[in-house]
């Protein structure tokens, strides 16, 4: 909410590298005993911050006067301290602790007297050099599937294509994933197994290269199974589609508990046997 009595949007405290959300995520990661494959912090916001000098006891990147949270069209000329504070925090969290930043924007008031939040956070992303930082969740209910896909696109990018290596698995294994429900136009039947080829050159360096040098397929990368190239993209798109179709009710059910898994299966031949 905005206006008198609303809660302060204190993003400067939330993004404090020593005490905020980044610090909590870094502390958690340090106790795992191994580096995170991918680490990220998501902030869910429904408005843009403005600099305040009263009502919140001071001026900072997320204080605001509460009643004046939308005090002007900041995307035309956003105060540098607000943008710089959030963008710098995102840059430092990435370089210091390997933590990416995402802003899930839930509201985008576009009236002439209000700050358009979506545009504000897109400016933060541009300044931070992380163009995929903003997830647009401002669409009306009729476009819920698109909003879910925007969110799932980022979430699946963080949580797929790298898996713990099961004991006894080597590069002779067969790897596949299964499309659990029909996801038109890709498939109108289900379940559908999708084999993933072996690719010797699939590794973290190739997968993260801006040149797109990763081959299509899977490989053992340290203590993990890594999926690269088109196979990784296809798996991610399948997770996005299954999530969006299920949550939008097109699969006959709705709700997070009803979203079916997209299993990734590793099969090894049994020792001294032709079976598996």
C-alpha atoms as a PDB file:
ATOM      1  CA  UNK A   1       0.000   0.000   0.000  1.00  0.00           C
ATOM      2  CA  UNK A   2       0.987   3.650  -0.251  1.00  0.00           C
ATOM      3  CA  UNK A   3      -0.105   6.789   1.519  1.00  0.00           C
ATOM      4  CA  UNK A   4      -0.369   7.645   5.196  1.00  0.00           C
ATOM      5  CA  UNK A   5       0.277   4.688   7.482  1.00  0.00           C
ATOM      6  CA  UNK A   6       1.986   2.484   4.930  1.00  0.00           C
ATOM      7  CA  UNK A   7       5.086   0.520   5.835  1.00  0.00           C
ATOM      8  CA  UNK A   8       8.467   1.906   4.875  1.00  0.00           C
ATOM      9  CA  UNK A   9      10.088   0.274   1.871  1.00  0.00           C
ATOM     10  CA  UNK A  10      13.568   0.055   3.357  1.00  0.00           C
ATOM     11  CA  UNK A  11      15.573  -1.472   0.545  1.00  0.00           C
ATOM     12  CA  UNK A  12      18.823   0.064   1.733  1.00  0.00           C
ATOM     13  CA  UNK A  13      18.629  -2.107   4.857  1.00  0.00           C
ATOM     14  CA  UNK A  14      17.427  -5.163   2.949  1.00  0.00           C
ATOM     15  CA  UNK A  15      20.322  -4.912   0.498  1.00  0.00           C
ATOM     16  CA  UNK A  16      22.991  -4.108   3.116  1.00  0.00           C
ATOM     17  CA  UNK A  17      25.894  -6.447   2.331  1.00  0.00           C
ATOM     18  CA  UNK A  18      26.790  -6.875   6.005  1.00  0.00           C
ATOM     19  CA  UNK A  19      23.379  -7.208   7.623  1.00  0.00           C
ATOM     20  CA  UNK A  20      20.688  -7.638   4.973  1.00  0.00           C
ATOM     21  CA  UNK A  21      19.413 -10.424   2.746  1.00  0.00           C
ATOM     22  CA  UNK A  22      22.715 -10.800   0.904  1.00  0.00           C
ATOM     23  CA  UNK A  23      24.512 -11.360   4.203  1.00  0.00           C
ATOM     24  CA  UNK A  24      22.020 -14.040   5.241  1.00  0.00           C
ATOM     25  CA  UNK A  25      22.385 -15.850   1.908  1.00  0.00           C
ATOM     26  CA  UNK A  26      26.183 -15.665   2.067  1.00  0.00           C
ATOM     27  CA  UNK A  27      26.152 -16.990   5.645  1.00  0.00           C
ATOM     28  CA  UNK A  28      23.982 -19.933   4.586  1.00  0.00           C
ATOM     29  CA  UNK A  29      26.266 -20.698   1.637  1.00  0.00           C
ATOM     30  CA  UNK A  30      29.381 -20.629   3.815  1.00  0.00           C
ATOM     31  CA  UNK A  31      27.993 -23.457   5.944  1.00  0.00           C
ATOM     32  CA  UNK A  32      27.422 -25.843   3.040  1.00  0.00           C
ATOM     33  CA  UNK A  33      31.035 -26.954   2.758  1.00  0.00           C
ATOM     34  CA  UNK A  34      31.110 -26.394  -1.010  1.00  0.00           C
ATOM     35  CA  UNK A  35      30.426 -23.439  -3.325  1.00  0.00           C
ATOM     36  CA  UNK A  36      26.897 -22.794  -4.547  1.00  0.00           C
ATOM     37  CA  UNK A  37      26.296 -23.824  -8.148  1.00  0.00           C
ATOM     38  CA  UNK A  38      24.088 -20.752  -8.464  1.00  0.00           C
ATOM     39  CA  UNK A  39      23.210 -18.312  -5.700  1.00  0.00           C
ATOM     40  CA  UNK A  40      20.594 -15.566  -5.841  1.00  0.00           C
ATOM     41  CA  UNK A  41      18.482 -13.269  -3.703  1.00  0.00           C
ATOM     42  CA  UNK A  42      14.966 -12.231  -4.762  1.00  0.00           C
ATOM     43  CA  UNK A  43      13.224  -9.104  -3.522  1.00  0.00           C
ATOM     44  CA  UNK A  44       9.435  -8.885  -3.974  1.00  0.00           C
ATOM     45  CA  UNK A  45       8.362  -5.248  -4.352  1.00  0.00           C
ATOM     46  CA  UNK A  46       5.092  -3.460  -5.094  1.00  0.00           C
ATOM     47  CA  UNK A  47       6.386   0.106  -5.459  1.00  0.00           C
ATOM     48  CA  UNK A  48       9.527   2.115  -6.023  1.00  0.00           C
ATOM     49  CA  UNK A  49      11.435   3.789  -3.179  1.00  0.00           C
ATOM     50  CA  UNK A  50      11.936   7.539  -3.010  1.00  0.00           C
ATOM     51  CA  UNK A  51      14.361   9.532  -0.915  1.00  0.00           C
ATOM     52  CA  UNK A  52      12.743  10.799   2.280  1.00  0.00           C
ATOM     53  CA  UNK A  53      13.735  13.444   4.769  1.00  0.00           C
ATOM     54  CA  UNK A  54      10.859  13.077   7.209  1.00  0.00           C
ATOM     55  CA  UNK A  55       8.551  10.432   8.549  1.00  0.00           C
ATOM     56  CA  UNK A  56      11.188   7.718   8.520  1.00  0.00           C
ATOM     57  CA  UNK A  57      13.887   9.504  10.513  1.00  0.00           C
ATOM     58  CA  UNK A  58      16.261  10.114   7.658  1.00  0.00           C
ATOM     59  CA  UNK A  59      17.126   9.878   4.008  1.00  0.00           C
ATOM     60  CA  UNK A  60      18.250   6.670   2.353  1.00  0.00           C
ATOM     61  CA  UNK A  61      17.722   4.585  -0.762  1.00  0.00           C
ATOM     62  CA  UNK A  62      14.583   2.933   0.546  1.00  0.00           C
ATOM     63  CA  UNK A  63      13.216   5.204   3.214  1.00  0.00           C
ATOM     64  CA  UNK A  64      10.717   7.524   1.662  1.00  0.00           C
ATOM     65  CA  UNK A  65       8.135   9.576   3.530  1.00  0.00           C
ATOM     66  CA  UNK A  66       5.525   6.842   3.100  1.00  0.00           C
ATOM     67  CA  UNK A  67       2.880   9.348   2.060  1.00  0.00           C
ATOM     68  CA  UNK A  68       5.259  10.454  -0.682  1.00  0.00           C
ATOM     69  CA  UNK A  69       6.473   7.077  -1.909  1.00  0.00           C
ATOM     70  CA  UNK A  70       5.276   8.100  -5.382  1.00  0.00           C
ATOM     71  CA  UNK A  71       6.457  11.678  -5.211  1.00  0.00           C
ATOM     72  CA  UNK A  72       7.404  12.049  -8.844  1.00  0.00           C
ATOM     73  CA  UNK A  73       8.086  10.348 -12.166  1.00  0.00           C
ATOM     74  CA  UNK A  74      11.446   8.956 -11.113  1.00  0.00           C
ATOM     75  CA  UNK A  75      12.044   7.051 -14.304  1.00  0.00           C
ATOM     76  CA  UNK A  76      12.466  10.390 -16.000  1.00  0.00           C
ATOM     77  CA  UNK A  77      15.059  11.577 -13.479  1.00  0.00           C
ATOM     78  CA  UNK A  78      15.572   9.130 -10.639  1.00  0.00           C
ATOM     79  CA  UNK A  79      17.734  10.475  -7.780  1.00  0.00           C
ATOM     80  CA  UNK A  80      21.179   8.976  -8.202  1.00  0.00           C
ATOM     81  CA  UNK A  81      21.505   7.786  -4.599  1.00  0.00           C
ATOM     82  CA  UNK A  82      18.524   5.444  -4.880  1.00  0.00           C
ATOM     83  CA  UNK A  83      19.631   3.824  -8.108  1.00  0.00           C
ATOM     84  CA  UNK A  84      23.312   3.769  -7.174  1.00  0.00           C
ATOM     85  CA  UNK A  85      22.748   2.212  -3.747  1.00  0.00           C
ATOM     86  CA  UNK A  86      20.702  -0.698  -5.109  1.00  0.00           C
ATOM     87  CA  UNK A  87      22.809  -1.217  -8.241  1.00  0.00           C
ATOM     88  CA  UNK A  88      26.085  -1.102  -6.313  1.00  0.00           C
ATOM     89  CA  UNK A  89      24.781  -3.605  -3.759  1.00  0.00           C
ATOM     90  CA  UNK A  90      23.829  -5.982  -6.578  1.00  0.00           C
ATOM     91  CA  UNK A  91      27.242  -5.635  -8.210  1.00  0.00           C
ATOM     92  CA  UNK A  92      29.121  -6.194  -4.956  1.00  0.00           C
ATOM     93  CA  UNK A  93      26.978  -9.173  -3.934  1.00  0.00           C
ATOM     94  CA  UNK A  94      27.777 -10.824  -7.262  1.00  0.00           C
ATOM     95  CA  UNK A  95      31.514 -10.122  -7.161  1.00  0.00           C
ATOM     96  CA  UNK A  96      31.978 -10.819  -3.439  1.00  0.00           C
ATOM     97  CA  UNK A  97      29.702 -13.795  -2.816  1.00  0.00           C
ATOM     98  CA  UNK A  98      28.543 -14.912  -6.278  1.00  0.00           C
ATOM     99  CA  UNK A  99      24.961 -13.884  -5.511  1.00  0.00           C
ATOM    100  CA  UNK A 100      22.712 -12.726  -8.326  1.00  0.00           C
ATOM    101  CA  UNK A 101      19.901 -10.250  -7.636  1.00  0.00           C
ATOM    102  CA  UNK A 102      16.302 -10.359  -8.810  1.00  0.00           C
ATOM    103  CA  UNK A 103      13.453  -7.908  -8.228  1.00  0.00           C
ATOM    104  CA  UNK A 104       9.978  -9.412  -8.639  1.00  0.00           C
ATOM    105  CA  UNK A 105       7.818  -6.360  -9.400  1.00  0.00           C
ATOM    106  CA  UNK A 106       4.196  -6.925  -8.363  1.00  0.00           C
ATOM    107  CA  UNK A 107       2.761  -3.495  -9.196  1.00  0.00           C
ATOM    108  CA  UNK A 108       3.383  -0.858 -11.829  1.00  0.00           C
ATOM    109  CA  UNK A 109       1.336   2.302 -11.208  1.00  0.00           C
ATOM    110  CA  UNK A 110       1.763   4.401 -14.325  1.00  0.00           C
ATOM    111  CA  UNK A 111      -0.219   7.520 -13.450  1.00  0.00           C
ATOM    112  CA  UNK A 112       1.507  10.807 -14.148  1.00  0.00           C
ATOM    113  CA  UNK A 113       2.066  11.596 -10.475  1.00  0.00           C
ATOM    114  CA  UNK A 114       3.392   8.213  -9.462  1.00  0.00           C
ATOM    115  CA  UNK A 115       6.712   6.446  -9.773  1.00  0.00           C
ATOM    116  CA  UNK A 116       6.388   3.495 -12.206  1.00  0.00           C
ATOM    117  CA  UNK A 117       8.087   0.677 -10.243  1.00  0.00           C
ATOM    118  CA  UNK A 118       8.792  -1.604 -13.207  1.00  0.00           C
ATOM    119  CA  UNK A 119      10.712   1.141 -14.964  1.00  0.00           C
ATOM    120  CA  UNK A 120      12.569   2.089 -11.770  1.00  0.00           C
ATOM    121  CA  UNK A 121      13.894  -1.432 -11.177  1.00  0.00           C
ATOM    122  CA  UNK A 122      14.773  -1.802 -14.852  1.00  0.00           C
ATOM    123  CA  UNK A 123      16.981   1.263 -14.379  1.00  0.00           C
ATOM    124  CA  UNK A 124      18.621  -0.426 -11.390  1.00  0.00           C
ATOM    125  CA  UNK A 125      19.264  -3.508 -13.540  1.00  0.00           C
ATOM    126  CA  UNK A 126      20.767  -1.427 -16.308  1.00  0.00           C
ATOM    127  CA  UNK A 127      23.063   0.403 -13.909  1.00  0.00           C
ATOM    128  CA  UNK A 128      24.103  -2.877 -12.248  1.00  0.00           C
ATOM    129  CA  UNK A 129      24.883  -4.478 -15.604  1.00  0.00           C
ATOM    130  CA  UNK A 130      22.461  -7.347 -14.885  1.00  0.00           C
ATOM    131  CA  UNK A 131      19.745  -6.977 -17.553  1.00  0.00           C
ATOM    132  CA  UNK A 132      17.773 -10.052 -16.429  1.00  0.00           C
ATOM    133  CA  UNK A 133      17.402  -8.776 -12.872  1.00  0.00           C
ATOM    134  CA  UNK A 134      13.752  -7.682 -13.159  1.00  0.00           C
ATOM    135  CA  UNK A 135      10.851 -10.157 -13.243  1.00  0.00           C
ATOM    136  CA  UNK A 136       7.650  -8.551 -14.466  1.00  0.00           C
ATOM    137  CA  UNK A 137       4.722  -9.819 -12.388  1.00  0.00           C
ATOM    138  CA  UNK A 138       2.512  -6.766 -12.992  1.00  0.00           C
ATOM    139  CA  UNK A 139       0.193  -8.288 -15.578  1.00  0.00           C
ATOM    140  CA  UNK A 140      -3.529  -8.447 -14.813  1.00  0.00           C
ATOM    141  CA  UNK A 141      -5.065 -11.751 -13.749  1.00  0.00           C
ATOM    142  CA  UNK A 142      -6.039 -12.516 -17.338  1.00  0.00           C
ATOM    143  CA  UNK A 143      -2.324 -12.660 -18.167  1.00  0.00           C
ATOM    144  CA  UNK A 144      -1.358 -14.779 -15.154  1.00  0.00           C
ATOM    145  CA  UNK A 145       0.270 -17.439 -17.319  1.00  0.00           C
ATOM    146  CA  UNK A 146       2.667 -14.890 -18.805  1.00  0.00           C
ATOM    147  CA  UNK A 147       3.563 -13.604 -15.336  1.00  0.00           C
ATOM    148  CA  UNK A 148       4.199 -17.150 -14.135  1.00  0.00           C
ATOM    149  CA  UNK A 149       6.397 -17.797 -17.154  1.00  0.00           C
ATOM    150  CA  UNK A 150       8.409 -14.641 -16.438  1.00  0.00           C
ATOM    151  CA  UNK A 151       9.016 -15.869 -12.904  1.00  0.00           C
ATOM    152  CA  UNK A 152       9.585 -19.494 -13.838  1.00  0.00           C
ATOM    153  CA  UNK A 153      12.012 -18.493 -16.558  1.00  0.00           C
ATOM    154  CA  UNK A 154      14.378 -17.080 -13.985  1.00  0.00           C
ATOM    155  CA  UNK A 155      13.723 -19.716 -11.323  1.00  0.00           C
ATOM    156  CA  UNK A 156      14.359 -22.606 -13.689  1.00  0.00           C
ATOM    157  CA  UNK A 157      17.487 -20.907 -14.940  1.00  0.00           C
ATOM    158  CA  UNK A 158      18.777 -21.003 -11.372  1.00  0.00           C
ATOM    159  CA  UNK A 159      17.618 -24.474 -10.474  1.00  0.00           C
ATOM    160  CA  UNK A 160      18.064 -26.759 -13.489  1.00  0.00           C
ATOM    161  CA  UNK A 161      20.841 -28.301 -15.596  1.00  0.00           C
ATOM    162  CA  UNK A 162      23.220 -29.038 -12.683  1.00  0.00           C
ATOM    163  CA  UNK A 163      22.622 -32.052 -10.399  1.00  0.00           C
ATOM    164  CA  UNK A 164      24.463 -33.992  -7.722  1.00  0.00           C
ATOM    165  CA  UNK A 165      26.361 -36.962  -9.187  1.00  0.00           C
ATOM    166  CA  UNK A 166      24.785 -40.230  -7.951  1.00  0.00           C
ATOM    167  CA  UNK A 167      27.200 -42.875  -6.622  1.00  0.00           C
ATOM    168  CA  UNK A 168      28.469 -45.339  -9.222  1.00  0.00           C
ATOM    169  CA  UNK A 169      27.519 -43.228 -12.228  1.00  0.00           C
ATOM    170  CA  UNK A 170      30.074 -42.711 -14.996  1.00  0.00           C
ATOM    171  CA  UNK A 171      29.987 -41.409 -18.557  1.00  0.00           C
ATOM    172  CA  UNK A 172      28.520 -44.668 -19.874  1.00  0.00           C
ATOM    173  CA  UNK A 173      25.196 -43.725 -18.285  1.00  0.00           C
ATOM    174  CA  UNK A 174      22.055 -42.749 -20.182  1.00  0.00           C
ATOM    175  CA  UNK A 175      20.409 -39.453 -19.198  1.00  0.00           C
ATOM    176  CA  UNK A 176      16.923 -38.213 -20.045  1.00  0.00           C
ATOM    177  CA  UNK A 177      14.133 -36.016 -18.720  1.00  0.00           C
ATOM    178  CA  UNK A 178      10.380 -36.622 -18.895  1.00  0.00           C
ATOM    179  CA  UNK A 179       7.653 -34.190 -19.973  1.00  0.00           C
ATOM    180  CA  UNK A 180       4.946 -35.135 -17.415  1.00  0.00           C
ATOM    181  CA  UNK A 181       1.903 -33.412 -18.986  1.00  0.00           C
ATOM    182  CA  UNK A 182       0.911 -32.258 -22.459  1.00  0.00           C
ATOM    183  CA  UNK A 183       2.580 -28.946 -23.259  1.00  0.00           C
ATOM    184  CA  UNK A 184       1.207 -27.807 -26.629  1.00  0.00           C
ATOM    185  CA  UNK A 185       2.529 -27.134 -29.175  1.00  0.00           C
ATOM    186  CA  UNK A 186       5.605 -29.153 -28.096  1.00  0.00           C
ATOM    187  CA  UNK A 187       3.623 -32.288 -27.286  1.00  0.00           C
ATOM    188  CA  UNK A 188      -0.057 -33.173 -27.022  1.00  0.00           C
ATOM    189  CA  UNK A 189       0.576 -36.478 -25.255  1.00  0.00           C
ATOM    190  CA  UNK A 190       2.312 -37.357 -21.989  1.00  0.00           C
ATOM    191  CA  UNK A 191       4.428 -38.603 -20.381  1.00  0.00           C
ATOM    192  CA  UNK A 192       7.150 -38.215 -22.997  1.00  0.00           C
ATOM    193  CA  UNK A 193      10.791 -39.201 -22.321  1.00  0.00           C
ATOM    194  CA  UNK A 194      13.405 -36.921 -23.906  1.00  0.00           C
ATOM    195  CA  UNK A 195      16.900 -38.448 -24.243  1.00  0.00           C
ATOM    196  CA  UNK A 196      19.941 -36.238 -23.634  1.00  0.00           C
ATOM    197  CA  UNK A 197      23.126 -37.083 -25.564  1.00  0.00           C
ATOM    198  CA  UNK A 198      26.546 -37.282 -23.925  1.00  0.00           C
ATOM    199  CA  UNK A 199      28.782 -34.273 -24.658  1.00  0.00           C
ATOM    200  CA  UNK A 200      32.437 -34.447 -23.642  1.00  0.00           C
ATOM    201  CA  UNK A 201      32.900 -30.669 -23.803  1.00  0.00           C
ATOM    202  CA  UNK A 202      30.009 -29.791 -21.474  1.00  0.00           C
ATOM    203  CA  UNK A 203      31.425 -28.016 -18.412  1.00  0.00           C
ATOM    204  CA  UNK A 204      30.854 -24.914 -16.304  1.00  0.00           C
ATOM    205  CA  UNK A 205      33.208 -22.725 -18.321  1.00  0.00           C
ATOM    206  CA  UNK A 206      31.624 -23.652 -21.649  1.00  0.00           C
ATOM    207  CA  UNK A 207      28.094 -23.287 -20.275  1.00  0.00           C
ATOM    208  CA  UNK A 208      28.711 -19.779 -18.896  1.00  0.00           C
ATOM    209  CA  UNK A 209      30.589 -18.530 -21.954  1.00  0.00           C
ATOM    210  CA  UNK A 210      29.040 -15.530 -23.674  1.00  0.00           C
ATOM    211  CA  UNK A 211      30.153 -17.044 -26.964  1.00  0.00           C
ATOM    212  CA  UNK A 212      27.727 -19.931 -26.542  1.00  0.00           C
ATOM    213  CA  UNK A 213      30.406 -22.580 -26.966  1.00  0.00           C
ATOM    214  CA  UNK A 214      28.779 -25.292 -24.839  1.00  0.00           C
ATOM    215  CA  UNK A 215      27.938 -28.440 -26.825  1.00  0.00           C
ATOM    216  CA  UNK A 216      24.512 -30.038 -26.645  1.00  0.00           C
ATOM    217  CA  UNK A 217      24.319 -32.792 -24.029  1.00  0.00           C
ATOM    218  CA  UNK A 218      25.433 -33.890 -20.578  1.00  0.00           C
ATOM    219  CA  UNK A 219      28.742 -34.613 -18.898  1.00  0.00           C
ATOM    220  CA  UNK A 220      30.210 -35.291 -15.468  1.00  0.00           C
ATOM    221  CA  UNK A 221      31.605 -31.996 -14.161  1.00  0.00           C
ATOM    222  CA  UNK A 222      33.389 -32.555 -10.844  1.00  0.00           C
ATOM    223  CA  UNK A 223      30.815 -33.901  -8.395  1.00  0.00           C
ATOM    224  CA  UNK A 224      27.876 -32.987 -10.600  1.00  0.00           C
ATOM    225  CA  UNK A 225      26.041 -33.967 -13.744  1.00  0.00           C
ATOM    226  CA  UNK A 226      25.832 -30.906 -15.965  1.00  0.00           C
ATOM    227  CA  UNK A 227      23.492 -30.469 -18.945  1.00  0.00           C
ATOM    228  CA  UNK A 228      24.520 -27.986 -21.639  1.00  0.00           C
ATOM    229  CA  UNK A 229      23.336 -26.427 -24.872  1.00  0.00           C
ATOM    230  CA  UNK A 230      19.944 -27.092 -26.410  1.00  0.00           C
ATOM    231  CA  UNK A 231      19.240 -29.943 -23.996  1.00  0.00           C
ATOM    232  CA  UNK A 232      19.536 -27.532 -21.056  1.00  0.00           C
ATOM    233  CA  UNK A 233      17.320 -24.984 -22.816  1.00  0.00           C
ATOM    234  CA  UNK A 234      14.730 -27.636 -23.654  1.00  0.00           C
ATOM    235  CA  UNK A 235      14.659 -28.843 -20.046  1.00  0.00           C
ATOM    236  CA  UNK A 236      14.254 -25.295 -18.740  1.00  0.00           C
ATOM    237  CA  UNK A 237      11.499 -24.500 -21.233  1.00  0.00           C
ATOM    238  CA  UNK A 238       9.698 -27.699 -20.245  1.00  0.00           C
ATOM    239  CA  UNK A 239       9.765 -26.744 -16.552  1.00  0.00           C
ATOM    240  CA  UNK A 240       8.472 -23.261 -17.438  1.00  0.00           C
ATOM    241  CA  UNK A 241       5.675 -24.639 -19.605  1.00  0.00           C
ATOM    242  CA  UNK A 242       4.577 -27.285 -17.082  1.00  0.00           C
ATOM    243  CA  UNK A 243       4.541 -24.694 -14.293  1.00  0.00           C
ATOM    244  CA  UNK A 244       2.634 -22.088 -16.293  1.00  0.00           C
ATOM    245  CA  UNK A 245       0.061 -24.515 -17.684  1.00  0.00           C
ATOM    246  CA  UNK A 246      -0.603 -26.066 -14.274  1.00  0.00           C
ATOM    247  CA  UNK A 247      -0.857 -22.810 -12.309  1.00  0.00           C
ATOM    248  CA  UNK A 248      -3.101 -21.232 -14.929  1.00  0.00           C
ATOM    249  CA  UNK A 249      -5.512 -24.167 -14.594  1.00  0.00           C
ATOM    250  CA  UNK A 250      -5.114 -25.354 -18.190  1.00  0.00           C
ATOM    251  CA  UNK A 251      -4.045 -28.780 -16.945  1.00  0.00           C
ATOM    252  CA  UNK A 252      -7.263 -29.216 -14.958  1.00  0.00           C
ATOM    253  CA  UNK A 253      -5.692 -28.360 -11.587  1.00  0.00           C
ATOM    254  CA  UNK A 254      -4.192 -25.315  -9.981  1.00  0.00           C
ATOM    255  CA  UNK A 255      -1.948 -24.548  -7.048  1.00  0.00           C
ATOM    256  CA  UNK A 256       1.748 -24.997  -6.333  1.00  0.00           C
ATOM    257  CA  UNK A 257       1.207 -28.435  -4.766  1.00  0.00           C
ATOM    258  CA  UNK A 258      -0.288 -29.688  -8.026  1.00  0.00           C
ATOM    259  CA  UNK A 259       2.640 -28.741 -10.283  1.00  0.00           C
ATOM    260  CA  UNK A 260       4.117 -32.052 -11.491  1.00  0.00           C
ATOM    261  CA  UNK A 261       7.836 -32.666 -11.386  1.00  0.00           C
ATOM    262  CA  UNK A 262       9.932 -32.798 -14.545  1.00  0.00           C
ATOM    263  CA  UNK A 263      12.186 -35.720 -13.557  1.00  0.00           C
ATOM    264  CA  UNK A 264      15.745 -36.045 -14.813  1.00  0.00           C
ATOM    265  CA  UNK A 265      16.689 -39.739 -14.925  1.00  0.00           C
ATOM    266  CA  UNK A 266      20.143 -41.330 -14.978  1.00  0.00           C
ATOM    267  CA  UNK A 267      20.343 -45.003 -15.982  1.00  0.00           C
ATOM    268  CA  UNK A 268      23.392 -47.246 -15.622  1.00  0.00           C
ATOM    269  CA  UNK A 269      23.792 -50.776 -16.937  1.00  0.00           C
ATOM    270  CA  UNK A 270      23.968 -53.392 -14.184  1.00  0.00           C
ATOM    271  CA  UNK A 271      27.391 -54.982 -13.598  1.00  0.00           C
ATOM    272  CA  UNK A 272      27.864 -58.327 -15.406  1.00  0.00           C
ATOM    273  CA  UNK A 273      24.418 -58.020 -16.919  1.00  0.00           C
ATOM    274  CA  UNK A 274      22.770 -56.805 -20.062  1.00  0.00           C
ATOM    275  CA  UNK A 275      19.986 -55.268 -17.974  1.00  0.00           C
ATOM    276  CA  UNK A 276      19.880 -51.864 -16.307  1.00  0.00           C
END
